C-alpha atoms as a PDB file:
ATOM      1  CA  MET A   1      97.873  70.679 102.120  1.00  0.00           C
ATOM      2  CA  ASP A   2      98.900  68.478 105.878  1.00  0.00           C
ATOM      3  CA  LEU A   3      99.911  71.643 107.759  1.00  0.00           C
ATOM      4  CA  ASN A   4     101.838  69.904 110.597  1.00  0.00           C
ATOM      5  CA  LYS A   5     103.347  67.280 108.075  1.00  0.00           C
ATOM      6  CA  ASN A   6     104.851  69.796 105.434  1.00  0.00           C
ATOM      7  CA  LYS A   7     105.956  72.196 108.497  1.00  0.00           C
ATOM      8  CA  GLU A   8     109.327  70.994 108.238  1.00  0.00           C
ATOM      9  CA  ILE A   9     109.809  71.513 104.484  1.00  0.00           C
ATOM     10  CA  LEU A  10     108.100  74.898 104.733  1.00  0.00           C
ATOM     11  CA  ASP A  11     109.995  75.842 107.633  1.00  0.00           C
ATOM     12  CA  GLN A  12     113.351  74.995 105.582  1.00  0.00           C
ATOM     13  CA  MET A  13     112.383  76.997 102.624  1.00  0.00           C
ATOM     14  CA  PHE A  14     114.571  80.072 101.543  1.00  0.00           C
ATOM     15  CA  GLU A  15     111.314  81.125 100.140  1.00  0.00           C
ATOM     16  CA  GLY A  16     108.805  83.400 102.377  1.00  0.00           C
ATOM     17  CA  ALA A  17     106.011  81.251 102.792  1.00  0.00           C
ATOM     18  CA  TYR A  18     102.330  81.257 104.545  1.00  0.00           C
ATOM     19  CA  ILE A  19      99.378  79.788 104.197  1.00  0.00           C
ATOM     20  CA  VAL A  20      95.770  81.320 104.648  1.00  0.00           C
ATOM     21  CA  ASP A  21      92.329  80.021 104.931  1.00  0.00           C
ATOM     22  CA  LYS A  22      88.878  81.049 102.892  1.00  0.00           C
ATOM     23  CA  ASP A  23      88.783  84.693 104.580  1.00  0.00           C
ATOM     24  CA  ARG A  24      92.220  85.078 104.242  1.00  0.00           C
ATOM     25  CA  THR A  25      93.130  84.263 107.998  1.00  0.00           C
ATOM     26  CA  ILE A  26      96.913  83.504 108.271  1.00  0.00           C
ATOM     27  CA  LEU A  27      97.302  80.393 109.830  1.00  0.00           C
ATOM     28  CA  TYR A  28     101.390  79.605 109.068  1.00  0.00           C
ATOM     29  CA  TRP A  29     104.059  82.019 108.517  1.00  0.00           C
ATOM     30  CA  ASN A  30     107.791  80.529 107.846  1.00  0.00           C
ATOM     31  CA  PRO A  31     111.294  81.772 108.949  1.00  0.00           C
ATOM     32  CA  ALA A  32     112.013  82.965 105.639  1.00  0.00           C
ATOM     33  CA  ALA A  33     109.135  85.121 105.815  1.00  0.00           C
ATOM     34  CA  GLU A  34     109.703  86.437 108.916  1.00  0.00           C
ATOM     35  CA  LYS A  35     113.481  87.636 107.730  1.00  0.00           C
ATOM     36  CA  LEU A  36     111.849  89.057 104.017  1.00  0.00           C
ATOM     37  CA  THR A  37     109.077  90.867 106.169  1.00  0.00           C
ATOM     38  CA  GLY A  38     110.219  91.864 109.687  1.00  0.00           C
ATOM     39  CA  TYR A  39     106.691  90.377 110.869  1.00  0.00           C
ATOM     40  CA  ARG A  40     107.301  87.584 113.440  1.00  0.00           C
ATOM     41  CA  ALA A  41     105.116  84.700 113.272  1.00  0.00           C
ATOM     42  CA  ALA A  42     103.703  85.397 116.888  1.00  0.00           C
ATOM     43  CA  GLN A  43     102.583  89.018 115.262  1.00  0.00           C
ATOM     44  CA  VAL A  44     100.366  87.445 112.492  1.00  0.00           C
ATOM     45  CA  ILE A  45      99.527  84.114 112.755  1.00  0.00           C
ATOM     46  CA  GLY A  46      95.425  84.530 113.593  1.00  0.00           C
ATOM     47  CA  ARG A  47      95.319  87.910 111.759  1.00  0.00           C
ATOM     48  CA  ARG A  48      93.960  88.476 108.372  1.00  0.00           C
ATOM     49  CA  CYS A  49      96.591  89.178 105.473  1.00  0.00           C
ATOM     50  CA  ASN A  50      94.579  92.519 104.603  1.00  0.00           C
ATOM     51  CA  ASP A  51      95.122  93.753 108.331  1.00  0.00           C
ATOM     52  CA  ASP A  52      97.339  96.515 108.040  1.00  0.00           C
ATOM     53  CA  LEU A  53     100.134  94.135 107.564  1.00  0.00           C
ATOM     54  CA  LEU A  54     101.860  93.580 104.194  1.00  0.00           C
ATOM     55  CA  ILE A  55      99.292  95.438 102.030  1.00  0.00           C
ATOM     56  CA  HIS A  56     100.681  94.907  98.718  1.00  0.00           C
ATOM     57  CA  VAL A  57     100.612  97.300  95.973  1.00  0.00           C
ATOM     58  CA  ASP A  58     101.345  97.659  92.568  1.00  0.00           C
ATOM     59  CA  GLU A  59     104.140  99.945  90.941  1.00  0.00           C
ATOM     60  CA  LYS A  60     102.065 102.739  90.801  1.00  0.00           C
ATOM     61  CA  GLY A  61     101.208 102.335  94.579  1.00  0.00           C
ATOM     62  CA  ASN A  62      97.526 100.803  94.335  1.00  0.00           C
ATOM     63  CA  ILE A  63      96.676  98.496  97.025  1.00  0.00           C
ATOM     64  CA  LEU A  64      95.953  95.170  95.948  1.00  0.00           C
ATOM     65  CA  CYS A  65      93.875  93.703  98.743  1.00  0.00           C
ATOM     66  CA  ASN A  66      90.285  94.351  97.881  1.00  0.00           C
ATOM     67  CA  ASN A  67      90.400  93.896  94.165  1.00  0.00           C
ATOM     68  CA  SER A  68      93.603  92.140  92.765  1.00  0.00           C
ATOM     69  CA  CYS A  69      94.773  90.169  95.269  1.00  0.00           C
ATOM     70  CA  PRO A  70      96.937  86.916  94.199  1.00  0.00           C
ATOM     71  CA  LEU A  71      95.553  84.770  97.217  1.00  0.00           C
ATOM     72  CA  THR A  72      91.696  86.182  96.820  1.00  0.00           C
ATOM     73  CA  PHE A  73      92.042  84.601  93.011  1.00  0.00           C
ATOM     74  CA  ALA A  74      94.110  81.685  94.091  1.00  0.00           C
ATOM     75  CA  LEU A  75      90.751  80.609  96.607  1.00  0.00           C
ATOM     76  CA  GLN A  76      88.184  81.831  94.405  1.00  0.00           C
ATOM     77  CA  GLU A  77      89.125  80.776  90.723  1.00  0.00           C
ATOM     78  CA  GLY A  78      91.094  77.506  91.856  1.00  0.00           C
ATOM     79  CA  LYS A  79      94.243  78.742  89.900  1.00  0.00           C
ATOM     80  CA  VAL A  80      97.911  79.597  90.693  1.00  0.00           C
ATOM     81  CA  LYS A  81      98.379  83.171  90.475  1.00  0.00           C
ATOM     82  CA  GLU A  82     101.462  85.158  89.775  1.00  0.00           C
ATOM     83  CA  ALA A  83     101.993  88.735  90.729  1.00  0.00           C
ATOM     84  CA  ALA A  84     105.098  91.227  90.899  1.00  0.00           C
ATOM     85  CA  VAL A  85     104.382  93.706  94.029  1.00  0.00           C
ATOM     86  CA  PHE A  86     105.621  95.531  96.482  1.00  0.00           C
ATOM     87  CA  LEU A  87     104.786  94.533 100.049  1.00  0.00           C
ATOM     88  CA  ARG A  88     105.346  96.682 103.308  1.00  0.00           C
ATOM     89  CA  HIS A  89     108.108  95.718 105.908  1.00  0.00           C
ATOM     90  CA  ALA A  90     107.359  96.063 109.359  1.00  0.00           C
ATOM     91  CA  GLN A  91     109.616  98.941 109.627  1.00  0.00           C
ATOM     92  CA  GLY A  92     107.589 100.490 106.830  1.00  0.00           C
ATOM     93  CA  HIS A  93     109.382 100.647 103.491  1.00  0.00           C
ATOM     94  CA  ARG A  94     108.253  98.996 100.727  1.00  0.00           C
ATOM     95  CA  VAL A  95     109.632  95.806  99.382  1.00  0.00           C
ATOM     96  CA  PRO A  96     109.775  94.460  95.706  1.00  0.00           C
ATOM     97  CA  VAL A  97     108.702  90.580  95.613  1.00  0.00           C
ATOM     98  CA  THR A  98     107.678  88.209  93.099  1.00  0.00           C
ATOM     99  CA  VAL A  99     104.388  86.215  94.879  1.00  0.00           C
ATOM    100  CA  ARG A 100     102.558  82.976  93.835  1.00  0.00           C
ATOM    101  CA  ALA A 101      99.441  82.017  95.149  1.00  0.00           C
ATOM    102  CA  ILE A 102      99.090  78.768  95.200  1.00  0.00           C
ATOM    103  CA  PRO A 103      95.130  77.053  96.104  1.00  0.00           C
ATOM    104  CA  LEU A 104      95.092  74.258  98.661  1.00  0.00           C
ATOM    105  CA  ARG A 105      92.691  71.250  98.111  1.00  0.00           C
ATOM    106  CA  ASP A 106      91.179  68.497 100.530  1.00  0.00           C
ATOM    107  CA  ASP A 107      90.916  64.786  99.444  1.00  0.00           C
ATOM    108  CA  THR A 108      87.493  65.657  97.790  1.00  0.00           C
ATOM    109  CA  GLY A 109      89.001  68.583  95.294  1.00  0.00           C
ATOM    110  CA  VAL A 110      87.545  71.222  97.757  1.00  0.00           C
ATOM    111  CA  ILE A 111      89.747  74.458  98.126  1.00  0.00           C
ATOM    112  CA  HIS A 112      90.346  75.048 101.721  1.00  0.00           C
ATOM    113  CA  SER A 113      93.083  77.448 102.039  1.00  0.00           C
ATOM    114  CA  SER A 114      96.014  78.669 100.006  1.00  0.00           C
ATOM    115  CA  LEU A 115      99.495  79.093  99.901  1.00  0.00           C
ATOM    116  CA  GLU A 116     101.664  82.158  99.194  1.00  0.00           C
ATOM    117  CA  VAL A 117     105.369  82.042  97.854  1.00  0.00           C
ATOM    118  CA  PHE A 118     107.353  84.858  97.569  1.00  0.00           C
ATOM    119  CA  THR A 119     111.020  85.992  96.672  1.00  0.00           C
ATOM    120  CA  ARG A 120     112.810  89.465  97.207  1.00  0.00           C
ATOM    121  CA  THR A 121     113.193  90.593  93.761  1.00  0.00           C
ATOM    122  CA  GLY A 122     115.739  93.584  92.707  1.00  0.00           C
ATOM    123  CA  SER A 123     118.964  94.368  94.098  1.00  0.00           C
ATOM    124  CA  VAL A 124     120.393  96.255  97.449  1.00  0.00           C
ATOM    125  CA  THR A 125     123.805  97.175  98.602  1.00  0.00           C
ATOM    126  CA  SER A 126     125.595  94.197 100.059  1.00  0.00           C
ATOM    127  CA  THR A 127     126.381  94.326 104.258  1.00  0.00           C
ATOM    128  CA  GLU A 128     130.126  93.610 102.849  1.00  0.00           C
ATOM    129  CA  GLN A 129     129.843  96.626 100.558  1.00  0.00           C
ATOM    130  CA  LEU A 130     128.405  98.666 103.705  1.00  0.00           C
ATOM    131  CA  LYS A 131     130.789  97.307 105.788  1.00  0.00           C
ATOM    132  CA  ASP A 132     133.585  98.762 103.212  1.00  0.00           C
ATOM    133  CA  LEU A 133     132.268 102.425 103.088  1.00  0.00           C
ATOM    134  CA  ALA A 134     131.499 102.145 106.736  1.00  0.00           C
ATOM    135  CA  GLN A 135     135.421 101.961 107.527  1.00  0.00           C
ATOM    136  CA  LYS A 136     135.989 104.676 104.741  1.00  0.00           C
ATOM    137  CA  ALA A 137     133.409 106.859 106.256  1.00  0.00           C
ATOM    138  CA  PHE A 138     131.304 106.753 103.524  1.00  0.00           C
ATOM    139  CA  VAL A 139     127.970 105.602 105.196  1.00  0.00           C
ATOM    140  CA  ASP A 140     125.175 108.323 106.617  1.00  0.00           C
ATOM    141  CA  ALA A 141     124.471 107.590 110.062  1.00  0.00           C
ATOM    142  CA  LEU A 142     120.831 107.987 110.024  1.00  0.00           C
ATOM    143  CA  THR A 143     119.915 106.054 106.596  1.00  0.00           C
ATOM    144  CA  GLY A 144     122.535 103.151 106.321  1.00  0.00           C
ATOM    145  CA  LEU A 145     123.034 104.511 102.699  1.00  0.00           C
ATOM    146  CA  PRO A 146     126.599 105.993 101.336  1.00  0.00           C
ATOM    147  CA  ASN A 147     126.578 109.561 101.970  1.00  0.00           C
ATOM    148  CA  LYS A 148     127.263 112.894  99.988  1.00  0.00           C
ATOM    149  CA  GLN A 149     131.215 112.737 100.043  1.00  0.00           C
ATOM    150  CA  TYR A 150     130.867 109.167  98.757  1.00  0.00           C
ATOM    151  CA  ILE A 151     128.496 110.107  95.953  1.00  0.00           C
ATOM    152  CA  GLU A 152     130.333 113.251  94.876  1.00  0.00           C
ATOM    153  CA  SER A 153     133.610 110.998  94.614  1.00  0.00           C
ATOM    154  CA  LYS A 154     131.909 108.532  92.675  1.00  0.00           C
ATOM    155  CA  LEU A 155     130.461 110.504  89.917  1.00  0.00           C
ATOM    156  CA  GLU A 156     133.479 112.301  89.920  1.00  0.00           C
ATOM    157  CA  ASN A 157     135.332 109.325  88.870  1.00  0.00           C
ATOM    158  CA  LEU A 158     132.828 107.776  86.379  1.00  0.00           C
ATOM    159  CA  LEU A 159     132.519 111.465  84.663  1.00  0.00           C
ATOM    160  CA  SER A 160     136.134 112.063  84.110  1.00  0.00           C
ATOM    161  CA  GLY A 161     139.446 110.307  82.768  1.00  0.00           C
ATOM    162  CA  GLN A 162     137.635 109.129  79.881  1.00  0.00           C
ATOM    163  CA  VAL A 163     137.006 110.641  76.518  1.00  0.00           C
ATOM    164  CA  ALA A 164     133.954 112.967  76.436  1.00  0.00           C
ATOM    165  CA  GLY A 165     130.741 111.747  75.121  1.00  0.00           C
ATOM    166  CA  GLU A 166     131.679 108.400  74.123  1.00  0.00           C
ATOM    167  CA  SER A 167     130.278 106.494  77.057  1.00  0.00           C
ATOM    168  CA  PRO A 168     126.696 106.439  77.188  1.00  0.00           C
ATOM    169  CA  ALA A 169     124.689 108.666  79.354  1.00  0.00           C
ATOM    170  CA  LEU A 170     123.617 108.105  83.113  1.00  0.00           C
ATOM    171  CA  GLY A 171     120.331 109.265  84.180  1.00  0.00           C
ATOM    172  CA  ILE A 172     120.786 111.026  87.849  1.00  0.00           C
ATOM    173  CA  MET A 173     118.324 112.365  90.234  1.00  0.00           C
ATOM    174  CA  PHE A 174     117.561 114.577  92.923  1.00  0.00           C
ATOM    175  CA  LEU A 175     115.008 113.099  95.293  1.00  0.00           C
ATOM    176  CA  GLU A 176     113.691 114.805  98.022  1.00  0.00           C
ATOM    177  CA  LEU A 177     110.863 114.418 100.964  1.00  0.00           C
ATOM    178  CA  ALA A 178     108.846 117.466 100.301  1.00  0.00           C
ATOM    179  CA  ASN A 179     106.926 117.731 103.133  1.00  0.00           C
ATOM    180  CA  LEU A 180     109.740 116.808 105.547  1.00  0.00           C
ATOM    181  CA  ARG A 181     109.786 120.591 107.499  1.00  0.00           C
ATOM    182  CA  GLU A 182     106.150 119.763 107.927  1.00  0.00           C
ATOM    183  CA  ILE A 183     106.508 116.284 109.495  1.00  0.00           C
ATOM    184  CA  ASN A 184     109.318 117.771 111.707  1.00  0.00           C
ATOM    185  CA  ASP A 185     107.133 120.654 112.847  1.00  0.00           C
ATOM    186  CA  ASP A 186     104.201 118.673 113.513  1.00  0.00           C
ATOM    187  CA  PHE A 187     105.296 115.306 114.488  1.00  0.00           C
ATOM    188  CA  GLY A 188     108.805 116.522 115.820  1.00  0.00           C
ATOM    189  CA  LEU A 189     112.446 115.510 115.107  1.00  0.00           C
ATOM    190  CA  ILE A 190     112.035 111.835 115.754  1.00  0.00           C
ATOM    191  CA  ILE A 191     109.606 110.825 113.138  1.00  0.00           C
ATOM    192  CA  ALA A 192     111.011 113.082 110.693  1.00  0.00           C
ATOM    193  CA  ASN A 193     114.222 111.265 111.198  1.00  0.00           C
ATOM    194  CA  ASN A 194     111.858 107.846 110.667  1.00  0.00           C
ATOM    195  CA  ALA A 195     110.324 109.529 107.723  1.00  0.00           C
ATOM    196  CA  ILE A 196     113.734 109.772 106.306  1.00  0.00           C
ATOM    197  CA  LYS A 197     114.737 106.237 107.002  1.00  0.00           C
ATOM    198  CA  VAL A 198     111.785 104.832 105.988  1.00  0.00           C
ATOM    199  CA  THR A 199     112.377 107.063 102.336  1.00  0.00           C
ATOM    200  CA  ALA A 200     115.950 105.797 102.080  1.00  0.00           C
ATOM    201  CA  ARG A 201     115.201 102.372 102.630  1.00  0.00           C
ATOM    202  CA  THR A 202     112.290 101.924 100.250  1.00  0.00           C
ATOM    203  CA  ILE A 203     114.845 103.522  97.990  1.00  0.00           C
ATOM    204  CA  ALA A 204     117.457 101.291  98.334  1.00  0.00           C
ATOM    205  CA  GLU A 205     115.324  98.461  98.343  1.00  0.00           C
ATOM    206  CA  ASN A 206     113.954  99.304  94.553  1.00  0.00           C
ATOM    207  CA  LEU A 207     116.862 100.137  92.730  1.00  0.00           C
ATOM    208  CA  PRO A 208     117.532  98.302  89.825  1.00  0.00           C
ATOM    209  CA  PRO A 209     121.019  96.005  89.587  1.00  0.00           C
ATOM    210  CA  GLY A 210     123.957  98.456  89.103  1.00  0.00           C
ATOM    211  CA  ASP A 211     122.580 101.625  90.316  1.00  0.00           C
ATOM    212  CA  PHE A 212     123.415 103.463  93.360  1.00  0.00           C
ATOM    213  CA  ALA A 213     121.693 105.807  95.749  1.00  0.00           C
ATOM    214  CA  ALA A 214     123.173 108.099  98.358  1.00  0.00           C
ATOM    215  CA  ARG A 215     121.583 110.702 101.124  1.00  0.00           C
ATOM    216  CA  TRP A 216     122.686 114.368  99.841  1.00  0.00           C
ATOM    217  CA  TYR A 217     121.387 115.944 103.156  1.00  0.00           C
ATOM    218  CA  GLY A 218     118.124 116.419 105.421  1.00  0.00           C
ATOM    219  CA  GLY A 219     115.563 114.387 102.954  1.00  0.00           C
ATOM    220  CA  ARG A 220     117.282 114.829  99.879  1.00  0.00           C
ATOM    221  CA  PHE A 221     118.887 112.073  97.897  1.00  0.00           C
ATOM    222  CA  LEU A 222     120.919 111.554  94.796  1.00  0.00           C
ATOM    223  CA  ILE A 223     120.307 108.164  92.411  1.00  0.00           C
ATOM    224  CA  VAL A 224     122.593 107.930  89.632  1.00  0.00           C
ATOM    225  CA  SER A 225     121.235 105.206  87.490  1.00  0.00           C
ATOM    226  CA  THR A 226     122.297 103.068  84.308  1.00  0.00           C
ATOM    227  CA  MET A 227     118.530 104.015  82.706  1.00  0.00           C
ATOM    228  CA  ASN A 228     119.050 106.184  80.175  1.00  0.00           C
ATOM    229  CA  THR A 229     116.607 107.232  78.218  1.00  0.00           C
ATOM    230  CA  LYS A 230     113.734 109.591  79.396  1.00  0.00           C
ATOM    231  CA  ALA A 231     110.519 107.177  79.121  1.00  0.00           C
ATOM    232  CA  VAL A 232     112.434 104.788  81.528  1.00  0.00           C
ATOM    233  CA  LEU A 233     113.874 106.675  83.945  1.00  0.00           C
ATOM    234  CA  LEU A 234     110.209 108.671  84.150  1.00  0.00           C
ATOM    235  CA  ASN A 235     108.481 105.560  84.657  1.00  0.00           C
ATOM    236  CA  TRP A 236     110.987 104.391  87.659  1.00  0.00           C
ATOM    237  CA  ALA A 237     110.670 108.415  89.444  1.00  0.00           C
ATOM    238  CA  ASN A 238     106.890 107.491  88.928  1.00  0.00           C
ATOM    239  CA  LYS A 239     106.938 104.211  90.646  1.00  0.00           C
ATOM    240  CA  ILE A 240     109.425 104.925  93.522  1.00  0.00           C
ATOM    241  CA  LYS A 241     107.267 108.209  94.186  1.00  0.00           C
ATOM    242  CA  ALA A 242     103.913 106.015  94.620  1.00  0.00           C
ATOM    243  CA  LEU A 243     105.971 103.676  96.780  1.00  0.00           C
ATOM    244  CA  ILE A 244     107.572 105.702  99.107  1.00  0.00           C
ATOM    245  CA  GLN A 245     104.057 107.591  99.622  1.00  0.00           C
ATOM    246  CA  GLN A 246     102.360 104.123 100.061  1.00  0.00           C
ATOM    247  CA  SER A 247     105.399 103.899 103.058  1.00  0.00           C
ATOM    248  CA  VAL A 248     104.449 103.803 106.555  1.00  0.00           C
ATOM    249  CA  ILE A 249     106.104 105.354 109.741  1.00  0.00           C
ATOM    250  CA  GLU A 250     105.805 103.938 113.060  1.00  0.00           C
ATOM    251  CA  THR A 251     103.471 106.304 114.799  1.00  0.00           C
ATOM    252  CA  SER A 252      99.661 106.677 116.577  1.00  0.00           C
ATOM    253  CA  GLU A 253      98.977 109.363 113.849  1.00  0.00           C
ATOM    254  CA  ASP A 254      99.159 109.202 109.778  1.00  0.00           C
ATOM    255  CA  VAL A 255     102.217 110.828 109.092  1.00  0.00           C
ATOM    256  CA  PRO A 256     101.787 111.810 105.027  1.00  0.00           C
ATOM    257  CA  LEU A 257     105.259 110.973 102.777  1.00  0.00           C
ATOM    258  CA  LYS A 258     105.020 113.649  99.746  1.00  0.00           C
ATOM    259  CA  VAL A 259     107.985 113.085  97.003  1.00  0.00           C
ATOM    260  CA  CYS A 260     109.141 115.061  94.066  1.00  0.00           C
ATOM    261  CA  VAL A 261     112.164 113.741  91.625  1.00  0.00           C
ATOM    262  CA  GLY A 262     114.335 116.309  89.481  1.00  0.00           C
ATOM    263  CA  GLY A 263     116.527 114.729  87.234  1.00  0.00           C
ATOM    264  CA  LEU A 264     118.438 115.009  83.937  1.00  0.00           C
ATOM    265  CA  PHE A 265     121.442 112.872  81.972  1.00  0.00           C
ATOM    266  CA  VAL A 266     124.922 112.916  82.165  1.00  0.00           C
ATOM    267  CA  LYS A 267     127.992 112.221  80.041  1.00  0.00           C
ATOM    268  CA  ASN A 268     131.816 111.763  80.047  1.00  0.00           C
ATOM    269  CA  GLY A 269     133.579 115.321  80.766  1.00  0.00           C
ATOM    270  CA  ASP A 270     130.406 117.170  82.232  1.00  0.00           C
ATOM    271  CA  ASN A 271     131.224 119.889  84.562  1.00  0.00           C
ATOM    272  CA  LEU A 272     129.591 118.465  88.094  1.00  0.00           C
ATOM    273  CA  ASN A 273     129.148 121.995  89.827  1.00  0.00           C
ATOM    274  CA  LEU A 274     126.721 122.734  86.656  1.00  0.00           C
ATOM    275  CA  VAL A 275     125.275 119.209  86.426  1.00  0.00           C
ATOM    276  CA  TYR A 276     124.336 119.638  90.358  1.00  0.00           C
ATOM    277  CA  GLN A 277     123.045 123.823  89.410  1.00  0.00           C
ATOM    278  CA  ALA A 278     121.042 121.862  86.947  1.00  0.00           C
ATOM    279  CA  LEU A 279     119.568 119.293  88.742  1.00  0.00           C
ATOM    280  CA  GLU A 280     118.831 121.801  91.712  1.00  0.00           C
ATOM    281  CA  ASN A 281     116.523 123.466  89.163  1.00  0.00           C
ATOM    282  CA  ALA A 282     114.991 120.253  87.860  1.00  0.00           C
ATOM    283  CA  LEU A 283     114.191 119.405  91.552  1.00  0.00           C
ATOM    284  CA  LYS A 284     112.684 122.966  92.334  1.00  0.00           C
ATOM    285  CA  THR A 285     111.013 122.860  89.144  1.00  0.00           C
ATOM    286  CA  SER A 286     109.067 119.579  90.531  1.00  0.00           C
ATOM    287  CA  CYS A 287     108.499 120.601  93.920  1.00  0.00           C
ATOM    288  CA  THR A 288     106.338 123.692  92.189  1.00  0.00           C
ATOM    289  CA  GLY A 289     104.746 121.962  89.835  1.00  0.00           C
ATOM    290  CA  THR A 290     101.758 119.623  89.595  1.00  0.00           C
ATOM    291  CA  ALA A 291     103.432 117.003  88.317  1.00  0.00           C
ATOM    292  CA  ASN A 292     105.921 116.578  91.110  1.00  0.00           C
ATOM    293  CA  ILE A 293     108.713 114.912  88.970  1.00  0.00           C
ATOM    294  CA  ASN A 294     110.731 116.583  86.172  1.00  0.00           C
ATOM    295  CA  ILE A 295     113.192 114.591  83.732  1.00  0.00           C
ATOM    296  CA  LYS A 296     115.099 116.347  81.274  1.00  0.00           C
ATOM    297  CA  ALA A 297     114.826 114.888  77.916  1.00  0.00           C
ATOM    298  CA  GLU A 298     118.491 115.881  76.721  1.00  0.00           C
ATOM    299  CA  ALA A 299     121.669 114.895  77.871  1.00  0.00           C
ATOM    300  CA  PHE A 300     122.909 117.492  80.246  1.00  0.00           C
END
């Protein structure tokens, strides 16, 4: 690919796109890549893609840069490689994307570089939805997520006004940044608030379509999901835990993020006060246990 000839086309793409040479040094970074990742072209061109930039991970939080990098596969095998990964945004949170790495050859067929094209997957709360919630004072000021007042009202509407038990159960979870107090004590309030914001953004970026989350208080979030089987809910909880713990807080020191999750299932007619009490107990069990995730198998 002649970069100068094709730059105009790549610059107009909705998909993020960047090109690396055989050492994975970034040669080109398009405007869509800037928008999707938060990194400006001037910040990344000339750096290697694994130099503490996107650091792709899988849904278990495994870093792919060394052993399972799509770009490396394309450069070494000469084949197109697709993968669903989670890139690290410039602000530290994890964003789900689908990537396609394409080997680029010269006129003699020798591979000299690779193009990676990536698009965002999943669903986040739209700007218009957030504006509407903000006008109604339903947005948490720190995280930009809906607040406790909104989620309580939403759950009350979901569980009332219909015949009890007729609709499928909903999965609900408390997710808590378990070491928030330690972060505050060791690094101060600003870093602790940044930890909350990165956790919130990682949750929001990785919610399945139709699901929603809100900040409950402190480092705790309530997530309401249409995933109504234990296996599916547990799989998502494990994924989001790994992604948050692989997110980064911008500071000169490493700030570990530790997450615990307690969840259960609710159905029409359930008493919300009892639901919250059961959720609290499930979260407490997860935070004091070894697995850090406690999803009750039966509907509440």
